[in-house]
Each structure stands twice: as C-alpha cells, then as structure tokens.
Amino acid sequence: MKTIEGVGFYTVKELQTVLEVTQTTILKYSTTGIIKGVKIGNSWHISEIALREFLGLPTK
C-alpha cells in the first residue's frame, strides 16, 4: 500500500487479493465509478476510504 498525505492507497493487484476478485473486475469497478479510484501515472489506485465506502464500512 502506498501512503499519500496520510491516506493509504491500494493498487489493483493488492485489492485483487483483499477482495478475491480479478484485476479486470476491480478495473471495471474503478472506471465505472462503482468504487472510487484514481489513476496515478499508468495505474489505478483505490484509497482506504473508498474501499471502506464500497464495503459499507464506516470511514475512520
């Protein structure tokens, strides 16, 4: 996980392990807005906050 300004960001590959879905599914979720992601350089990253919102968990 990469941390920027105190917020942790997962790569698509890291989330694949956490959510037990394919990288294609995570990319689809990010590009369609199902889960909020940001593109940094050539790769998508999903913040801890966005992941918690997606899972329906309270944000810190």
N, C-alpha and C. Protein backbone atom coordinates (compact mmCIF):
# COMPACT_ATOMS: atom_id res chain seq x y z
N MET A 1 0.85 -1.17 0.00
CA MET A 1 0.00 0.00 0.00
C MET A 1 0.90 1.23 0.00
N LYS A 2 0.50 2.23 -0.77
CA LYS A 2 1.19 3.49 -0.87
C LYS A 2 0.43 4.52 -0.03
N THR A 3 1.15 5.36 0.70
CA THR A 3 0.51 6.39 1.52
C THR A 3 0.83 7.77 0.96
N ILE A 4 -0.22 8.56 0.74
CA ILE A 4 -0.07 9.93 0.27
C ILE A 4 -0.87 10.82 1.21
N GLU A 5 -0.19 11.79 1.81
CA GLU A 5 -0.84 12.72 2.75
C GLU A 5 -1.63 11.99 3.85
N GLY A 6 -1.10 10.88 4.32
CA GLY A 6 -1.72 10.15 5.40
C GLY A 6 -2.86 9.22 4.99
N VAL A 7 -3.14 9.14 3.69
CA VAL A 7 -4.20 8.26 3.19
C VAL A 7 -3.55 7.11 2.44
N GLY A 8 -3.94 5.90 2.79
CA GLY A 8 -3.39 4.72 2.13
C GLY A 8 -4.11 4.43 0.83
N PHE A 9 -3.35 4.04 -0.20
CA PHE A 9 -3.91 3.69 -1.50
C PHE A 9 -3.46 2.29 -1.89
N TYR A 10 -4.43 1.47 -2.29
CA TYR A 10 -4.15 0.12 -2.76
C TYR A 10 -3.98 0.12 -4.27
N THR A 11 -3.10 -0.72 -4.77
CA THR A 11 -3.03 -0.96 -6.21
C THR A 11 -4.11 -1.97 -6.56
N VAL A 12 -4.39 -2.09 -7.84
CA VAL A 12 -5.39 -3.06 -8.29
C VAL A 12 -4.95 -4.47 -7.90
N LYS A 13 -3.67 -4.76 -8.03
CA LYS A 13 -3.17 -6.09 -7.69
C LYS A 13 -3.34 -6.39 -6.20
N GLU A 14 -3.10 -5.40 -5.35
CA GLU A 14 -3.29 -5.59 -3.91
C GLU A 14 -4.76 -5.83 -3.57
N LEU A 15 -5.64 -5.08 -4.22
CA LEU A 15 -7.08 -5.25 -3.96
C LEU A 15 -7.59 -6.59 -4.46
N GLN A 16 -6.98 -7.10 -5.51
CA GLN A 16 -7.37 -8.41 -6.04
C GLN A 16 -7.28 -9.45 -4.93
N THR A 17 -6.25 -9.38 -4.14
CA THR A 17 -6.06 -10.32 -3.03
C THR A 17 -7.06 -10.06 -1.91
N VAL A 18 -7.26 -8.79 -1.59
CA VAL A 18 -8.16 -8.42 -0.49
C VAL A 18 -9.60 -8.80 -0.80
N LEU A 19 -10.07 -8.47 -2.01
CA LEU A 19 -11.47 -8.69 -2.36
C LEU A 19 -11.74 -10.05 -3.01
N GLU A 20 -10.68 -10.75 -3.36
CA GLU A 20 -10.79 -12.06 -4.01
C GLU A 20 -11.61 -11.99 -5.30
N VAL A 21 -11.31 -10.99 -6.11
CA VAL A 21 -11.89 -10.85 -7.45
C VAL A 21 -10.74 -10.60 -8.42
N THR A 22 -11.04 -10.64 -9.72
CA THR A 22 -9.98 -10.45 -10.70
C THR A 22 -9.60 -8.97 -10.84
N GLN A 23 -8.43 -8.74 -11.39
CA GLN A 23 -7.99 -7.37 -11.65
C GLN A 23 -8.93 -6.69 -12.62
N THR A 24 -9.45 -7.44 -13.59
CA THR A 24 -10.40 -6.90 -14.56
C THR A 24 -11.64 -6.37 -13.87
N THR A 25 -12.14 -7.10 -12.88
CA THR A 25 -13.32 -6.67 -12.14
C THR A 25 -13.05 -5.37 -11.39
N ILE A 26 -11.90 -5.28 -10.74
CA ILE A 26 -11.55 -4.07 -10.00
C ILE A 26 -11.41 -2.89 -10.95
N LEU A 27 -10.78 -3.10 -12.09
CA LEU A 27 -10.66 -2.02 -13.08
C LEU A 27 -12.03 -1.58 -13.59
N LYS A 28 -12.92 -2.53 -13.80
CA LYS A 28 -14.28 -2.21 -14.24
C LYS A 28 -14.99 -1.38 -13.18
N TYR A 29 -14.86 -1.79 -11.92
CA TYR A 29 -15.47 -1.04 -10.82
C TYR A 29 -14.92 0.39 -10.77
N SER A 30 -13.62 0.54 -10.97
CA SER A 30 -13.00 1.86 -10.90
C SER A 30 -13.41 2.75 -12.07
N THR A 31 -13.40 2.21 -13.26
CA THR A 31 -13.70 3.02 -14.44
C THR A 31 -15.17 3.37 -14.54
N THR A 32 -16.05 2.57 -13.93
CA THR A 32 -17.48 2.85 -13.99
C THR A 32 -17.99 3.59 -12.75
N GLY A 33 -17.11 3.79 -11.76
CA GLY A 33 -17.49 4.55 -10.58
C GLY A 33 -18.13 3.73 -9.48
N ILE A 34 -18.16 2.42 -9.62
CA ILE A 34 -18.71 1.57 -8.56
C ILE A 34 -17.86 1.70 -7.30
N ILE A 35 -16.56 1.74 -7.49
CA ILE A 35 -15.63 2.03 -6.42
C ILE A 35 -14.78 3.20 -6.89
N LYS A 36 -14.61 4.18 -6.02
CA LYS A 36 -13.87 5.38 -6.41
C LYS A 36 -12.38 5.07 -6.49
N GLY A 37 -11.82 5.28 -7.66
CA GLY A 37 -10.40 5.07 -7.86
C GLY A 37 -9.78 6.27 -8.54
N VAL A 38 -8.48 6.39 -8.43
CA VAL A 38 -7.76 7.46 -9.11
C VAL A 38 -6.63 6.83 -9.92
N LYS A 39 -6.42 7.42 -11.07
CA LYS A 39 -5.34 6.93 -11.91
C LYS A 39 -4.10 7.77 -11.61
N ILE A 40 -3.06 7.11 -11.15
CA ILE A 40 -1.79 7.77 -10.87
C ILE A 40 -0.78 7.17 -11.84
N GLY A 41 -0.32 8.01 -12.75
CA GLY A 41 0.56 7.50 -13.80
C GLY A 41 -0.24 6.60 -14.71
N ASN A 42 0.20 5.38 -14.87
CA ASN A 42 -0.49 4.42 -15.74
C ASN A 42 -1.32 3.40 -14.98
N SER A 43 -1.42 3.55 -13.66
CA SER A 43 -2.14 2.52 -12.90
C SER A 43 -3.19 3.13 -11.99
N TRP A 44 -4.22 2.33 -11.73
CA TRP A 44 -5.32 2.75 -10.87
C TRP A 44 -4.98 2.43 -9.42
N HIS A 45 -5.41 3.33 -8.53
CA HIS A 45 -5.24 3.15 -7.09
C HIS A 45 -6.57 3.45 -6.42
N ILE A 46 -6.87 2.71 -5.36
CA ILE A 46 -8.11 2.89 -4.61
C ILE A 46 -7.73 3.21 -3.17
N SER A 47 -8.29 4.29 -2.64
CA SER A 47 -7.95 4.69 -1.27
C SER A 47 -8.62 3.77 -0.25
N GLU A 48 -8.07 3.77 0.95
CA GLU A 48 -8.67 3.02 2.05
C GLU A 48 -10.10 3.51 2.28
N ILE A 49 -10.30 4.81 2.18
CA ILE A 49 -11.62 5.40 2.40
C ILE A 49 -12.61 4.88 1.36
N ALA A 50 -12.20 4.88 0.09
CA ALA A 50 -13.09 4.40 -0.98
C ALA A 50 -13.40 2.92 -0.80
N LEU A 51 -12.43 2.14 -0.38
CA LEU A 51 -12.65 0.72 -0.13
C LEU A 51 -13.66 0.52 0.99
N ARG A 52 -13.52 1.28 2.09
CA ARG A 52 -14.46 1.16 3.20
C ARG A 52 -15.87 1.56 2.77
N GLU A 53 -15.99 2.62 1.95
CA GLU A 53 -17.31 3.03 1.44
C GLU A 53 -17.91 1.93 0.57
N PHE A 54 -17.10 1.34 -0.30
CA PHE A 54 -17.55 0.26 -1.17
C PHE A 54 -18.05 -0.93 -0.37
N LEU A 55 -17.37 -1.23 0.71
CA LEU A 55 -17.75 -2.37 1.54
C LEU A 55 -18.86 -2.04 2.54
N GLY A 56 -19.26 -0.76 2.60
CA GLY A 56 -20.31 -0.35 3.52
C GLY A 56 -19.84 -0.25 4.95
N LEU A 57 -18.56 0.00 5.14
CA LEU A 57 -18.00 0.13 6.48
C LEU A 57 -17.85 1.61 6.81
N PRO A 58 -17.90 1.95 8.08
CA PRO A 58 -17.71 3.36 8.45
C PRO A 58 -16.29 3.81 8.14
N THR A 59 -16.16 5.05 7.68
CA THR A 59 -14.82 5.59 7.43
C THR A 59 -14.26 6.07 8.74
N LYS A 60 -12.97 6.08 8.84
CA LYS A 60 -12.29 6.43 10.09
C LYS A 60 -12.45 7.90 10.41
